[in-house]
Amino acid sequence: METLDLIQEAYTLEVSSPGIGRALATENDWIRCRGRKIEVRTELEEYTGVLEGHGNGMLRFQDGREIPLNGVLAAREVI
C-alpha cells in the first residue's frame, strides 16, 4: 500500500486475527489445532494439553488423556 501510494490521506492500519483465544467447537477447529496447546473446560475440570487428534467422539492429547467431545463446555487455543 505504501509503495503504490493508494491512500492519499493519513491512515492507521489495524490487523486482527481470530486465532489464539478463539472458541473451538467445529470439526475444522479440531483439525486446525492438532499439535497445538488447547484449554478444555468440562463440568468437572479445566485441562490444558497438546491436542493429538480427535475421532470417535473423543479429543486425544499427547499425554494420553482423552476427553469426550460431548462433555466439552468450552475450548480455546492457548500459548
N, C-alpha and C. Protein backbone atom coordinates (compact mmCIF):
# COMPACT_ATOMS: atom_id res chain seq x y z
N MET A 1 0.83 -1.19 0.00
CA MET A 1 0.00 0.00 0.00
C MET A 1 0.87 1.25 0.00
N GLU A 2 1.91 1.23 0.81
CA GLU A 2 2.79 2.40 0.87
C GLU A 2 3.50 2.63 -0.46
N THR A 3 3.99 1.56 -1.05
CA THR A 3 4.74 1.69 -2.30
C THR A 3 3.88 2.24 -3.42
N LEU A 4 2.64 1.79 -3.50
CA LEU A 4 1.75 2.23 -4.57
C LEU A 4 1.05 3.53 -4.24
N ASP A 5 1.17 3.99 -2.99
CA ASP A 5 0.54 5.24 -2.54
C ASP A 5 -0.95 5.25 -2.86
N LEU A 6 -1.63 4.18 -2.48
CA LEU A 6 -3.05 4.02 -2.80
C LEU A 6 -3.96 4.95 -1.99
N ILE A 7 -3.53 5.32 -0.79
CA ILE A 7 -4.34 6.19 0.06
C ILE A 7 -3.58 7.50 0.24
N GLN A 8 -4.20 8.58 -0.16
CA GLN A 8 -3.54 9.88 -0.15
C GLN A 8 -3.50 10.52 1.24
N GLU A 9 -4.48 10.19 2.09
CA GLU A 9 -4.56 10.80 3.41
C GLU A 9 -3.85 9.93 4.45
N ALA A 10 -3.66 10.49 5.63
CA ALA A 10 -3.09 9.72 6.74
C ALA A 10 -4.07 8.61 7.14
N TYR A 11 -3.54 7.47 7.53
CA TYR A 11 -4.41 6.37 7.94
C TYR A 11 -3.69 5.50 8.97
N THR A 12 -4.48 4.71 9.66
CA THR A 12 -3.96 3.74 10.61
C THR A 12 -4.41 2.37 10.15
N LEU A 13 -3.48 1.47 9.97
CA LEU A 13 -3.79 0.11 9.56
C LEU A 13 -3.87 -0.76 10.81
N GLU A 14 -5.03 -1.38 11.02
CA GLU A 14 -5.22 -2.27 12.16
C GLU A 14 -5.40 -3.69 11.63
N VAL A 15 -4.69 -4.62 12.23
CA VAL A 15 -4.76 -6.01 11.82
C VAL A 15 -5.19 -6.84 13.02
N SER A 16 -6.11 -7.75 12.80
CA SER A 16 -6.53 -8.64 13.88
C SER A 16 -6.66 -10.06 13.34
N SER A 17 -6.75 -10.98 14.25
CA SER A 17 -6.84 -12.39 13.88
C SER A 17 -7.76 -13.10 14.85
N PRO A 18 -8.59 -14.01 14.34
CA PRO A 18 -9.44 -14.80 15.23
C PRO A 18 -8.74 -16.05 15.73
N GLY A 19 -7.44 -15.98 15.95
CA GLY A 19 -6.63 -17.15 16.30
C GLY A 19 -6.65 -17.49 17.77
N ILE A 20 -5.55 -17.20 18.47
CA ILE A 20 -5.40 -17.56 19.88
C ILE A 20 -6.57 -17.00 20.69
N GLY A 21 -7.14 -17.82 21.52
CA GLY A 21 -8.23 -17.39 22.39
C GLY A 21 -9.60 -17.56 21.80
N ARG A 22 -9.68 -17.86 20.50
CA ARG A 22 -10.98 -18.03 19.85
C ARG A 22 -11.60 -19.35 20.30
N ALA A 23 -12.89 -19.36 20.48
CA ALA A 23 -13.59 -20.58 20.89
C ALA A 23 -13.45 -21.67 19.83
N LEU A 24 -13.24 -22.91 20.28
CA LEU A 24 -13.12 -24.06 19.40
C LEU A 24 -14.37 -24.91 19.55
N ALA A 25 -14.97 -25.31 18.44
CA ALA A 25 -16.17 -26.14 18.54
C ALA A 25 -16.42 -27.00 17.31
N THR A 26 -15.90 -26.62 16.17
CA THR A 26 -16.23 -27.32 14.93
C THR A 26 -15.17 -28.34 14.53
N GLU A 27 -15.51 -29.18 13.62
CA GLU A 27 -14.57 -30.17 13.06
C GLU A 27 -13.31 -29.48 12.55
N ASN A 28 -13.48 -28.38 11.83
CA ASN A 28 -12.32 -27.64 11.30
C ASN A 28 -11.44 -27.08 12.42
N ASP A 29 -12.04 -26.66 13.52
CA ASP A 29 -11.27 -26.16 14.67
C ASP A 29 -10.35 -27.24 15.21
N TRP A 30 -10.89 -28.45 15.37
CA TRP A 30 -10.09 -29.55 15.93
C TRP A 30 -8.97 -29.93 14.97
N ILE A 31 -9.25 -29.93 13.69
CA ILE A 31 -8.23 -30.25 12.69
C ILE A 31 -7.12 -29.19 12.71
N ARG A 32 -7.50 -27.93 12.73
CA ARG A 32 -6.54 -26.82 12.72
C ARG A 32 -5.65 -26.82 13.96
N CYS A 33 -6.19 -27.25 15.09
CA CYS A 33 -5.46 -27.18 16.35
C CYS A 33 -4.65 -28.43 16.66
N ARG A 34 -4.65 -29.39 15.77
CA ARG A 34 -3.84 -30.60 16.01
C ARG A 34 -2.38 -30.20 16.16
N GLY A 35 -1.76 -30.68 17.24
CA GLY A 35 -0.36 -30.35 17.53
C GLY A 35 -0.19 -29.04 18.28
N ARG A 36 -1.30 -28.39 18.61
CA ARG A 36 -1.24 -27.12 19.35
C ARG A 36 -1.79 -27.30 20.76
N LYS A 37 -1.42 -26.38 21.63
CA LYS A 37 -1.89 -26.42 23.01
C LYS A 37 -3.28 -25.80 23.09
N ILE A 38 -4.21 -26.54 23.68
CA ILE A 38 -5.55 -26.03 23.87
C ILE A 38 -5.97 -26.20 25.32
N GLU A 39 -6.93 -25.39 25.73
CA GLU A 39 -7.52 -25.48 27.06
C GLU A 39 -8.96 -25.93 26.88
N VAL A 40 -9.35 -26.95 27.63
CA VAL A 40 -10.68 -27.51 27.55
C VAL A 40 -11.34 -27.42 28.92
N ARG A 41 -12.58 -26.95 28.94
CA ARG A 41 -13.33 -26.88 30.20
C ARG A 41 -14.51 -27.84 30.10
N THR A 42 -14.62 -28.71 31.09
CA THR A 42 -15.77 -29.60 31.20
C THR A 42 -16.50 -29.25 32.49
N GLU A 43 -17.55 -29.99 32.79
CA GLU A 43 -18.27 -29.73 34.04
C GLU A 43 -17.41 -29.99 35.26
N LEU A 44 -16.47 -30.93 35.13
CA LEU A 44 -15.68 -31.34 36.29
C LEU A 44 -14.30 -30.70 36.38
N GLU A 45 -13.77 -30.21 35.27
CA GLU A 45 -12.38 -29.74 35.31
C GLU A 45 -12.04 -28.81 34.15
N GLU A 46 -10.86 -28.20 34.29
CA GLU A 46 -10.22 -27.49 33.19
C GLU A 46 -8.93 -28.23 32.92
N TYR A 47 -8.66 -28.50 31.65
CA TYR A 47 -7.48 -29.26 31.27
C TYR A 47 -6.78 -28.53 30.13
N THR A 48 -5.45 -28.46 30.20
CA THR A 48 -4.66 -27.86 29.14
C THR A 48 -3.64 -28.88 28.67
N GLY A 49 -3.59 -29.08 27.35
CA GLY A 49 -2.65 -30.03 26.79
C GLY A 49 -2.53 -29.86 25.28
N VAL A 50 -1.62 -30.60 24.69
CA VAL A 50 -1.40 -30.53 23.24
C VAL A 50 -2.33 -31.54 22.58
N LEU A 51 -3.18 -31.05 21.68
CA LEU A 51 -4.15 -31.89 21.01
C LEU A 51 -3.44 -32.78 19.99
N GLU A 52 -3.60 -34.08 20.15
CA GLU A 52 -3.02 -35.04 19.21
C GLU A 52 -3.98 -35.30 18.06
N GLY A 53 -5.26 -35.32 18.36
CA GLY A 53 -6.26 -35.56 17.33
C GLY A 53 -7.63 -35.74 17.94
N HIS A 54 -8.57 -36.10 17.09
CA HIS A 54 -9.92 -36.35 17.57
C HIS A 54 -10.56 -37.41 16.68
N GLY A 55 -11.52 -38.08 17.22
CA GLY A 55 -12.26 -39.09 16.48
C GLY A 55 -13.08 -39.92 17.44
N ASN A 56 -14.11 -40.58 16.90
CA ASN A 56 -15.00 -41.41 17.72
C ASN A 56 -15.53 -40.66 18.93
N GLY A 57 -15.79 -39.36 18.74
CA GLY A 57 -16.37 -38.56 19.80
C GLY A 57 -15.43 -38.18 20.92
N MET A 58 -14.11 -38.32 20.69
CA MET A 58 -13.13 -38.03 21.74
C MET A 58 -12.07 -37.06 21.24
N LEU A 59 -11.58 -36.20 22.15
CA LEU A 59 -10.37 -35.42 21.91
C LEU A 59 -9.22 -36.21 22.53
N ARG A 60 -8.15 -36.41 21.77
CA ARG A 60 -6.98 -37.15 22.27
C ARG A 60 -5.80 -36.20 22.41
N PHE A 61 -5.10 -36.30 23.53
CA PHE A 61 -3.98 -35.42 23.82
C PHE A 61 -2.68 -36.21 23.83
N GLN A 62 -1.56 -35.50 23.63
CA GLN A 62 -0.26 -36.14 23.52
C GLN A 62 0.14 -36.91 24.78
N ASP A 63 -0.38 -36.53 25.92
CA ASP A 63 -0.04 -37.24 27.16
C ASP A 63 -0.92 -38.47 27.40
N GLY A 64 -1.76 -38.81 26.41
CA GLY A 64 -2.62 -39.99 26.53
C GLY A 64 -4.01 -39.70 27.03
N ARG A 65 -4.24 -38.51 27.49
CA ARG A 65 -5.56 -38.10 28.01
C ARG A 65 -6.59 -38.09 26.90
N GLU A 66 -7.80 -38.51 27.19
CA GLU A 66 -8.92 -38.43 26.26
C GLU A 66 -10.09 -37.75 26.96
N ILE A 67 -10.74 -36.87 26.24
CA ILE A 67 -11.90 -36.15 26.78
C ILE A 67 -13.03 -36.28 25.77
N PRO A 68 -14.22 -36.72 26.22
CA PRO A 68 -15.36 -36.83 25.30
C PRO A 68 -15.79 -35.46 24.78
N LEU A 69 -15.98 -35.38 23.47
CA LEU A 69 -16.41 -34.11 22.87
C LEU A 69 -17.75 -33.64 23.44
N ASN A 70 -18.64 -34.56 23.72
CA ASN A 70 -19.95 -34.14 24.24
C ASN A 70 -19.88 -33.59 25.66
N GLY A 71 -18.74 -33.72 26.32
CA GLY A 71 -18.56 -33.18 27.67
C GLY A 71 -17.84 -31.83 27.69
N VAL A 72 -17.42 -31.35 26.51
CA VAL A 72 -16.69 -30.09 26.42
C VAL A 72 -17.68 -28.92 26.50
N LEU A 73 -17.52 -28.10 27.53
CA LEU A 73 -18.34 -26.89 27.67
C LEU A 73 -17.73 -25.73 26.91
N ALA A 74 -16.39 -25.66 26.90
CA ALA A 74 -15.68 -24.60 26.20
C ALA A 74 -14.27 -25.08 25.90
N ALA A 75 -13.72 -24.59 24.81
CA ALA A 75 -12.33 -24.91 24.46
C ALA A 75 -11.76 -23.75 23.68
N ARG A 76 -10.43 -23.54 23.85
CA ARG A 76 -9.76 -22.48 23.11
C ARG A 76 -8.28 -22.80 23.00
N GLU A 77 -7.65 -22.25 21.97
CA GLU A 77 -6.21 -22.41 21.81
C GLU A 77 -5.50 -21.44 22.75
N VAL A 78 -4.41 -21.90 23.35
CA VAL A 78 -3.64 -21.07 24.28
C VAL A 78 -2.17 -21.09 23.87
N ILE A 79 -1.43 -20.15 24.42
CA ILE A 79 0.01 -20.07 24.13
C ILE A 79 0.75 -20.90 25.15
